[in-house]
Amino acid sequence: MAQCTLKPDLEFSRKLIAAGGEDLKKCYQCATCAVACPLAPANAPYPRKEMVWASWGLGDRLKSDVDIWLCHNCGNCSDLCPRGANPADVMSAARNVVYQDLLEPKQIGTWMSKFSGLPFLFGIPALLWLIVWWIRTSFTNGEWFPTRADGSIVFGDIFYGDYTIDPIFMITFFGALFIICRGAYKLWQSFKPEGTVAIVGEQKCWLCHLWDVLVEEVILASHFDECQDGPKTGKGTPSRRVGHTILVWAFCILAFVTAVVAFGHWGGKIFPAIEITTPLRPLHLIKLLANFGAILLVIGLGILTVRRVLENKTTHKSSYYDWYLLGIIWAIALTGILAQCFRLAEAAGCAFFIYYLHLVFVWMLFAYLPWSKLGHFVYRTVALLYVRMYGRKS
């Protein structure tokens, strides 16, 4: 008879419990969760097997498990669990722990996982932009809150784009992009089993599969509706599709505005006809589009925040990790709006300080993206692409 020796990873188990999976030991393997999940395919159901591996501390199994990334955390499994083991929280905790071990430097993942790490995450960009501010005062006769002769405020007088904002954010963005691409590659490699894999689904170019994933999962967010159409739990669960869709479109609009302004600024140095100078007039088309994107951002954030606050705390626990990203995006939206309002009101002290905080929070969003739940968007896309290439739809 063949024997199999299990080697529990106790450190992984401790991390899993600390990340929100403290109820996993209540599981007695009734398989209700796998039956309840509207997304789990019949030939590879989850999260039952994940609950087994988590209970036994089999970290290597969970780290290479594609299914933890396919879960949309609708909570049906937790609502219907007769033991209160909260499989949805365990799946979420497993993803959070994998984040920490997937990327370097791991210290950032550790800081991201708990509230006590927030001062370090905030302190790095706060010090960076404060040094920039201090250096730039030498160009404004020592003025920390400079105004022009007509009383107008131009943030570029302190945070000059060409020599401060643009190079710092370019380095930050491409550095984070390199880290997240490396993490996505490591994740893809971890999914691959030994030997050969039978492809049972439609075979086509991986780019075509990627396009399908982006359209169905990101633009249309179809799986959120499938979660809502799953087994009825008798508890009201407002759809996440609206909030997520609004948030995605808000990010797309703001990214487009940023790209247009950057192109006009740098391209205008070569072709003056396309030059765009900031600050833009209040009724400038790009400024109107930016403000529309900011309004959408606040609406989407509001919907998702209210939904999270109203969730049943018995079966759906929101960890610090869940709130971190919402909090950062809220901070970016509010400081961006307030900075513009104070600038138009010609309140220099408040305007420059709020804009400074805005830069700090935007840097935090980009620099720590690979370890945040925005990184989850990339890793879930990688997992969905992987399973579709081998014949699965979810």
Protein backbone atom coordinates (compact mmCIF):
# COMPACT_ATOMS: atom_id res chain seq x y z
CA MET A 1 0.00 0.00 0.00
CA ALA A 2 1.32 3.41 -0.97
CA GLN A 3 2.04 5.82 1.85
CA CYS A 4 1.87 9.58 1.84
CA THR A 5 3.60 11.70 4.46
CA LEU A 6 2.04 15.08 5.17
CA LYS A 7 4.36 17.88 6.20
CA PRO A 8 2.29 20.68 7.68
CA ASP A 9 3.67 24.19 7.38
CA LEU A 10 2.84 25.58 10.81
CA GLU A 11 4.11 29.06 9.96
CA PHE A 12 1.77 29.16 6.95
CA SER A 13 -1.13 28.07 9.18
CA ARG A 14 -0.40 30.85 11.64
CA LYS A 15 -0.28 33.40 8.82
CA LEU A 16 -3.56 32.04 7.43
CA ILE A 17 -5.34 32.40 10.77
CA ALA A 18 -3.92 35.90 11.31
CA ALA A 19 -5.08 36.93 7.82
CA GLY A 20 -8.73 36.10 8.58
CA GLY A 21 -8.99 32.31 8.43
CA GLU A 22 -9.42 31.76 12.18
CA ASP A 23 -12.61 29.67 11.75
CA LEU A 24 -11.14 27.06 9.40
CA LYS A 25 -10.79 24.40 12.14
CA LYS A 26 -14.59 24.28 12.47
CA CYS A 27 -14.81 22.61 9.05
CA TYR A 28 -15.91 18.94 9.18
CA GLN A 29 -15.83 18.34 5.42
CA CYS A 30 -19.54 18.14 4.64
CA ALA A 31 -18.85 19.63 1.15
CA THR A 32 -21.72 22.12 1.41
CA CYS A 33 -19.34 24.91 0.36
CA ALA A 34 -18.37 23.18 -2.89
CA VAL A 35 -22.03 22.55 -3.71
CA ALA A 36 -22.99 26.13 -2.85
CA CYS A 37 -20.36 27.80 -5.04
CA PRO A 38 -21.99 28.91 -8.32
CA LEU A 39 -18.60 29.23 -10.04
CA ALA A 40 -16.88 25.95 -9.09
CA PRO A 41 -16.87 23.48 -12.02
CA ALA A 42 -18.10 19.95 -11.36
CA ASN A 43 -14.74 18.38 -12.28
CA ALA A 44 -12.73 20.70 -10.00
CA PRO A 45 -14.97 21.96 -7.19
CA TYR A 46 -13.79 24.41 -4.58
CA PRO A 47 -13.44 25.48 -1.78
CA ARG A 48 -13.75 22.06 -0.07
CA LYS A 49 -10.26 20.89 -1.00
CA GLU A 50 -8.84 24.26 0.02
CA MET A 51 -10.45 23.86 3.45
CA VAL A 52 -8.75 20.46 3.83
CA TRP A 53 -5.35 21.81 2.84
CA ALA A 54 -5.76 24.84 5.11
CA SER A 55 -6.77 22.66 8.06
CA TRP A 56 -3.71 20.48 7.58
CA GLY A 57 -1.36 23.42 7.02
CA LEU A 58 -0.46 22.29 3.50
CA GLY A 59 0.90 25.65 2.38
CA ASP A 60 2.59 24.33 -0.76
CA ARG A 61 -0.75 23.00 -2.04
CA LEU A 62 -2.51 26.31 -1.50
CA LYS A 63 0.34 28.36 -2.96
CA SER A 64 0.11 26.42 -6.22
CA ASP A 65 -3.70 26.21 -6.25
CA VAL A 66 -5.23 28.11 -9.16
CA ASP A 67 -8.71 27.95 -7.64
CA ILE A 68 -8.06 30.35 -4.75
CA TRP A 69 -7.73 33.09 -7.38
CA LEU A 70 -10.95 32.14 -9.17
CA CYS A 71 -13.12 32.64 -6.09
CA HIS A 72 -15.09 35.92 -6.36
CA ASN A 73 -15.78 35.97 -2.61
CA CYS A 74 -19.56 36.16 -3.01
CA GLY A 75 -19.93 34.47 0.40
CA ASN A 76 -22.52 31.84 -0.58
CA CYS A 77 -20.32 29.12 0.89
CA SER A 78 -20.01 30.95 4.22
CA ASP A 79 -23.72 31.74 4.38
CA LEU A 80 -24.66 28.08 3.87
CA CYS A 81 -21.89 26.50 5.96
CA PRO A 82 -23.59 24.59 8.83
CA ARG A 83 -20.53 24.90 11.06
CA GLY A 84 -19.64 28.57 10.60
CA ALA A 85 -16.22 27.70 9.16
CA ASN A 86 -16.48 30.66 6.75
CA PRO A 87 -14.77 29.15 3.68
CA ALA A 88 -14.95 32.50 1.85
CA ASP A 89 -12.78 34.10 4.53
CA VAL A 90 -10.31 31.20 4.36
CA MET A 91 -10.01 31.59 0.58
CA SER A 92 -9.45 35.32 0.97
CA ALA A 93 -6.88 34.73 3.74
CA ALA A 94 -5.05 32.21 1.55
CA ARG A 95 -4.74 34.79 -1.23
CA ASN A 96 -3.46 37.38 1.23
CA VAL A 97 -0.79 35.02 2.56
CA VAL A 98 0.33 34.03 -0.94
CA TYR A 99 0.75 37.75 -1.73
CA GLN A 100 3.28 38.02 1.06
CA ASP A 101 5.34 35.02 -0.07
CA LEU A 102 5.08 35.63 -3.82
CA LEU A 103 6.91 38.95 -4.05
CA GLU A 104 10.12 40.58 -2.94
CA PRO A 105 10.82 42.44 -0.72
CA LYS A 106 8.66 40.39 1.63
CA GLN A 107 8.84 43.07 4.31
CA ILE A 108 6.34 45.18 2.36
CA GLY A 109 3.93 42.24 2.28
CA THR A 110 4.31 41.93 6.05
CA TRP A 111 3.58 45.63 6.54
CA MET A 112 0.57 45.38 4.22
CA SER A 113 -0.94 42.56 6.24
CA LYS A 114 -1.51 44.44 9.50
CA PHE A 115 -2.38 47.90 10.79
CA SER A 116 0.93 48.27 12.66
CA GLY A 117 2.71 48.38 9.28
CA LEU A 118 0.76 51.42 8.07
CA PRO A 119 3.12 54.05 9.62
CA PHE A 120 6.03 52.55 7.64
CA LEU A 121 4.03 52.40 4.40
CA PHE A 122 2.92 56.01 4.85
CA GLY A 123 6.22 57.27 6.22
CA ILE A 124 8.35 56.34 3.19
CA PRO A 125 6.48 58.51 0.63
CA ALA A 126 5.73 61.19 3.24
CA LEU A 127 9.47 61.66 3.82
CA LEU A 128 10.22 61.44 0.09
CA TRP A 129 7.79 64.20 -0.90
CA LEU A 130 8.70 66.32 2.13
CA ILE A 131 12.34 66.29 1.00
CA VAL A 132 11.24 67.27 -2.51
CA TRP A 133 9.14 70.09 -1.04
CA TRP A 134 12.05 71.32 1.09
CA ILE A 135 14.49 71.28 -1.85
CA ARG A 136 12.06 73.13 -4.10
CA THR A 137 11.63 75.97 -1.60
CA SER A 138 15.11 77.10 -2.62
CA PHE A 139 13.55 78.04 -5.98
CA THR A 140 10.73 80.04 -4.35
CA ASN A 141 12.79 82.26 -2.02
CA GLY A 142 12.10 79.94 0.90
CA GLU A 143 8.32 80.06 0.40
CA TRP A 144 6.61 76.78 1.31
CA PHE A 145 3.21 78.00 0.06
CA PRO A 146 4.05 80.26 -2.90
CA THR A 147 1.42 82.23 -4.82
CA ARG A 148 1.83 84.17 -8.02
CA ALA A 149 1.41 87.91 -8.47
CA ASP A 150 -2.28 87.57 -9.32
CA GLY A 151 -2.87 85.39 -6.22
CA SER A 152 -3.21 82.16 -8.20
CA ILE A 153 -1.76 78.88 -6.98
CA VAL A 154 0.23 76.55 -9.24
CA PHE A 155 1.28 73.28 -7.64
CA GLY A 156 4.08 72.99 -10.18
CA ASP A 157 5.83 75.92 -8.51
CA ILE A 158 6.75 73.49 -5.72
CA PHE A 159 6.15 70.02 -7.15
CA TYR A 160 7.59 70.68 -10.60
CA GLY A 161 6.56 67.94 -13.01
CA ASP A 162 9.69 67.67 -15.16
CA TYR A 163 12.14 67.21 -12.29
CA THR A 164 10.06 65.84 -9.42
CA ILE A 165 6.64 64.31 -10.09
CA ASP A 166 7.24 62.75 -13.52
CA PRO A 167 10.60 61.03 -12.86
CA ILE A 168 9.59 59.84 -9.38
CA PHE A 169 6.31 58.36 -10.57
CA MET A 170 7.85 56.88 -13.72
CA ILE A 171 10.45 55.04 -11.63
CA THR A 172 7.77 53.99 -9.13
CA PHE A 173 5.32 52.78 -11.78
CA PHE A 174 7.80 50.77 -13.85
CA GLY A 175 9.40 49.38 -10.71
CA ALA A 176 6.00 48.15 -9.48
CA LEU A 177 5.22 46.85 -12.98
CA PHE A 178 8.43 44.82 -13.01
CA ILE A 179 7.67 43.37 -9.56
CA ILE A 180 4.09 42.44 -10.43
CA CYS A 181 5.10 40.89 -13.77
CA ARG A 182 7.72 38.83 -11.98
CA GLY A 183 5.10 37.78 -9.44
CA ALA A 184 2.62 36.87 -12.18
CA TYR A 185 5.29 34.76 -13.89
CA LYS A 186 6.10 32.95 -10.62
CA LEU A 187 2.39 32.37 -10.04
CA TRP A 188 1.92 30.93 -13.55
CA GLN A 189 4.88 28.60 -13.04
CA SER A 190 3.46 27.42 -9.72
CA PHE A 191 0.21 26.36 -11.42
CA LYS A 192 1.96 24.04 -13.84
CA PRO A 193 1.75 20.37 -12.74
CA GLU A 194 4.45 17.82 -13.39
CA GLY A 195 4.18 15.95 -16.67
CA THR A 196 1.75 16.88 -19.44
CA VAL A 197 -1.65 18.51 -19.29
CA ALA A 198 -4.57 17.51 -21.49
CA ILE A 199 -6.26 20.47 -23.18
CA VAL A 200 -9.99 19.69 -23.27
CA GLY A 201 -11.40 23.06 -24.28
CA GLU A 202 -11.26 25.28 -27.32
CA GLN A 203 -7.71 25.87 -28.46
CA LYS A 204 -6.76 29.35 -29.62
CA CYS A 205 -4.07 31.97 -29.18
CA TRP A 206 -3.46 32.98 -25.56
CA LEU A 207 -4.06 36.60 -26.55
CA CYS A 208 -7.58 35.68 -27.65
CA HIS A 209 -8.20 33.97 -24.30
CA LEU A 210 -6.81 37.04 -22.53
CA TRP A 211 -9.16 39.29 -24.49
CA ASP A 212 -12.12 37.11 -23.48
CA VAL A 213 -11.09 37.31 -19.83
CA LEU A 214 -10.70 41.09 -19.89
CA VAL A 215 -14.07 41.63 -21.60
CA GLU A 216 -16.08 39.17 -19.51
CA GLU A 217 -14.37 39.64 -16.15
CA VAL A 218 -13.25 43.27 -16.13
CA ILE A 219 -15.51 45.22 -18.48
CA LEU A 220 -18.75 43.23 -18.06
CA ALA A 221 -17.99 41.70 -14.61
CA SER A 222 -20.26 38.80 -15.53
CA HIS A 223 -19.19 36.49 -12.70
CA PHE A 224 -20.59 38.85 -10.09
CA ASP A 225 -24.03 38.18 -11.56
CA GLU A 226 -23.35 34.43 -11.53
CA CYS A 227 -22.55 34.73 -7.81
CA GLN A 228 -25.85 36.53 -7.23
CA ASP A 229 -27.72 33.85 -9.19
CA GLY A 230 -26.24 31.07 -7.06
CA PRO A 231 -28.03 29.17 -4.27
CA LYS A 232 -30.40 31.37 -2.29
CA THR A 233 -29.17 31.94 1.23
CA GLY A 234 -32.18 33.85 2.54
CA LYS A 235 -29.97 36.87 3.23
CA GLY A 236 -29.88 40.06 1.23
CA THR A 237 -26.56 40.52 -0.58
CA PRO A 238 -26.47 43.58 -2.84
CA SER A 239 -24.58 42.97 -6.08
CA ARG A 240 -20.96 44.08 -6.27
CA ARG A 241 -21.12 44.41 -10.04
CA VAL A 242 -22.33 48.02 -10.10
CA GLY A 243 -19.74 49.34 -7.66
CA HIS A 244 -16.86 47.46 -9.26
CA THR A 245 -17.88 48.45 -12.79
CA ILE A 246 -18.15 52.13 -11.87
CA LEU A 247 -14.76 51.97 -10.14
CA VAL A 248 -13.10 50.33 -13.15
CA TRP A 249 -14.50 52.94 -15.54
CA ALA A 250 -13.45 55.75 -13.20
CA PHE A 251 -9.89 54.42 -13.17
CA CYS A 252 -9.93 54.12 -16.98
CA ILE A 253 -11.11 57.73 -17.38
CA LEU A 254 -8.54 59.09 -14.93
CA ALA A 255 -5.76 57.02 -16.53
CA PHE A 256 -6.78 58.37 -19.96
CA VAL A 257 -6.74 61.96 -18.66
CA THR A 258 -3.30 61.44 -17.12
CA ALA A 259 -1.97 59.97 -20.37
CA VAL A 260 -3.36 62.83 -22.47
CA VAL A 261 -1.89 65.50 -20.18
CA ALA A 262 1.49 63.72 -20.08
CA PHE A 263 1.50 63.33 -23.86
CA GLY A 264 0.58 66.97 -24.36
CA HIS A 265 3.19 68.15 -21.87
CA TRP A 266 6.14 66.14 -23.15
CA GLY A 267 5.04 66.00 -26.77
CA GLY A 268 4.51 69.75 -26.73
CA LYS A 269 8.22 70.24 -26.16
CA ILE A 270 8.76 68.79 -29.66
CA PHE A 271 5.50 69.81 -31.36
CA PRO A 272 4.24 73.04 -29.75
CA ALA A 273 0.86 72.67 -31.46
CA ILE A 274 -0.14 69.81 -29.12
CA GLU A 275 1.23 71.37 -25.94
CA ILE A 276 -0.94 71.13 -22.82
CA THR A 277 -0.10 73.33 -19.85
CA THR A 278 -1.42 72.89 -16.33
CA PRO A 279 -3.40 73.89 -14.38
CA LEU A 280 -6.16 73.52 -16.97
CA ARG A 281 -9.08 75.92 -17.17
CA PRO A 282 -12.15 74.72 -15.20
CA LEU A 283 -14.16 74.31 -18.43
CA HIS A 284 -11.37 72.65 -20.41
CA LEU A 285 -12.63 69.38 -21.92
CA ILE A 286 -9.87 67.33 -20.26
CA LYS A 287 -10.53 69.01 -16.90
CA LEU A 288 -14.26 68.26 -17.21
CA LEU A 289 -13.48 64.63 -18.05
CA ALA A 290 -11.12 64.41 -15.07
CA ASN A 291 -13.78 65.80 -12.72
CA PHE A 292 -16.35 63.38 -14.15
CA GLY A 293 -13.92 60.50 -13.47
CA ALA A 294 -13.42 61.77 -9.91
CA ILE A 295 -17.19 61.85 -9.33
CA LEU A 296 -17.52 58.29 -10.67
CA LEU A 297 -14.68 57.24 -8.39
CA VAL A 298 -16.45 58.60 -5.31
CA ILE A 299 -19.75 56.97 -6.33
CA GLY A 300 -18.11 53.57 -6.89
CA LEU A 301 -16.21 53.83 -3.61
CA GLY A 302 -19.39 54.79 -1.78
CA ILE A 303 -21.30 51.79 -3.14
CA LEU A 304 -18.55 49.32 -2.24
CA THR A 305 -17.96 50.85 1.18
CA VAL A 306 -21.66 50.75 2.12
CA ARG A 307 -21.88 47.15 0.94
CA ARG A 308 -18.89 46.15 3.04
CA VAL A 309 -20.23 47.95 6.13
CA LEU A 310 -23.63 46.26 5.79
CA GLU A 311 -22.23 42.75 5.32
CA ASN A 312 -23.18 40.11 7.86
CA LYS A 313 -20.21 40.17 10.24
CA THR A 314 -20.87 36.58 11.34
CA THR A 315 -20.20 35.10 7.91
CA HIS A 316 -18.29 37.90 6.14
CA LYS A 317 -15.36 39.42 7.99
CA SER A 318 -13.58 42.32 6.32
CA SER A 319 -9.92 42.22 7.30
CA TYR A 320 -7.57 45.18 7.56
CA TYR A 321 -6.16 44.03 4.22
CA ASP A 322 -9.61 44.46 2.63
CA TRP A 323 -10.05 47.95 4.04
CA TYR A 324 -6.53 49.11 3.19
CA LEU A 325 -7.12 49.48 -0.55
CA LEU A 326 -10.53 51.12 -0.12
CA GLY A 327 -8.98 53.54 2.35
CA ILE A 328 -6.11 54.49 0.02
CA ILE A 329 -8.43 55.10 -2.94
CA TRP A 330 -10.77 57.15 -0.72
CA ALA A 331 -7.75 59.21 0.40
CA ILE A 332 -6.66 59.79 -3.21
CA ALA A 333 -10.15 60.82 -4.32
CA LEU A 334 -10.82 63.18 -1.42
CA THR A 335 -7.37 64.83 -1.39
CA GLY A 336 -7.52 65.28 -5.17
CA ILE A 337 -10.92 66.98 -4.98
CA LEU A 338 -10.01 69.09 -1.94
CA ALA A 339 -6.68 70.18 -3.44
CA GLN A 340 -8.51 71.51 -6.49
CA CYS A 341 -11.12 73.28 -4.34
CA PHE A 342 -8.50 74.96 -2.13
CA ARG A 343 -6.48 75.96 -5.20
CA LEU A 344 -9.51 77.65 -6.77
CA ALA A 345 -10.26 79.31 -3.41
CA GLU A 346 -6.63 80.57 -3.37
CA ALA A 347 -6.05 79.07 0.10
CA ALA A 348 -2.35 78.39 -0.44
CA GLY A 349 -1.50 76.69 2.87
CA CYS A 350 -4.34 74.20 2.70
CA ALA A 351 -3.96 73.67 -1.05
CA PHE A 352 -0.26 72.76 -0.97
CA PHE A 353 -0.57 70.57 2.14
CA ILE A 354 -3.53 68.63 0.74
CA TYR A 355 -1.76 68.25 -2.60
CA TYR A 356 1.30 66.94 -0.74
CA LEU A 357 -0.90 64.31 0.93
CA HIS A 358 -2.44 63.51 -2.46
CA LEU A 359 1.02 62.75 -3.87
CA VAL A 360 1.80 60.57 -0.84
CA PHE A 361 -1.36 58.47 -1.30
CA VAL A 362 -0.96 58.16 -5.08
CA TRP A 363 2.61 56.97 -4.55
CA MET A 364 1.37 54.42 -2.02
CA LEU A 365 -1.20 53.14 -4.52
CA PHE A 366 1.38 52.59 -7.27
CA ALA A 367 4.41 51.53 -5.23
CA TYR A 368 2.56 48.94 -3.14
CA LEU A 369 0.23 47.78 -5.92
CA PRO A 370 1.87 44.32 -6.31
CA TRP A 371 1.08 43.52 -2.65
CA SER A 372 -2.40 45.10 -2.55
CA LYS A 373 -5.80 43.86 -3.69
CA LEU A 374 -5.18 45.68 -6.96
CA GLY A 375 -2.47 43.08 -7.46
CA HIS A 376 -5.21 40.50 -6.98
CA PHE A 377 -6.78 41.83 -10.19
CA VAL A 378 -3.61 40.89 -12.09
CA TYR A 379 -3.17 37.51 -10.41
CA ARG A 380 -6.83 36.57 -10.92
CA THR A 381 -6.46 37.48 -14.60
CA VAL A 382 -3.41 35.21 -14.80
CA ALA A 383 -5.34 32.36 -13.14
CA LEU A 384 -8.37 32.82 -15.40
CA LEU A 385 -6.14 32.86 -18.47
CA TYR A 386 -4.41 29.69 -17.29
CA VAL A 387 -7.59 27.67 -16.75
CA ARG A 388 -9.16 28.86 -20.01
CA MET A 389 -6.14 27.73 -21.96
CA TYR A 390 -6.75 24.24 -20.57
CA GLY A 391 -10.48 24.07 -21.10
CA ARG A 392 -12.12 25.57 -18.02
CA LYS A 393 -14.38 28.62 -18.04
CA SER A 394 -14.00 29.57 -14.35
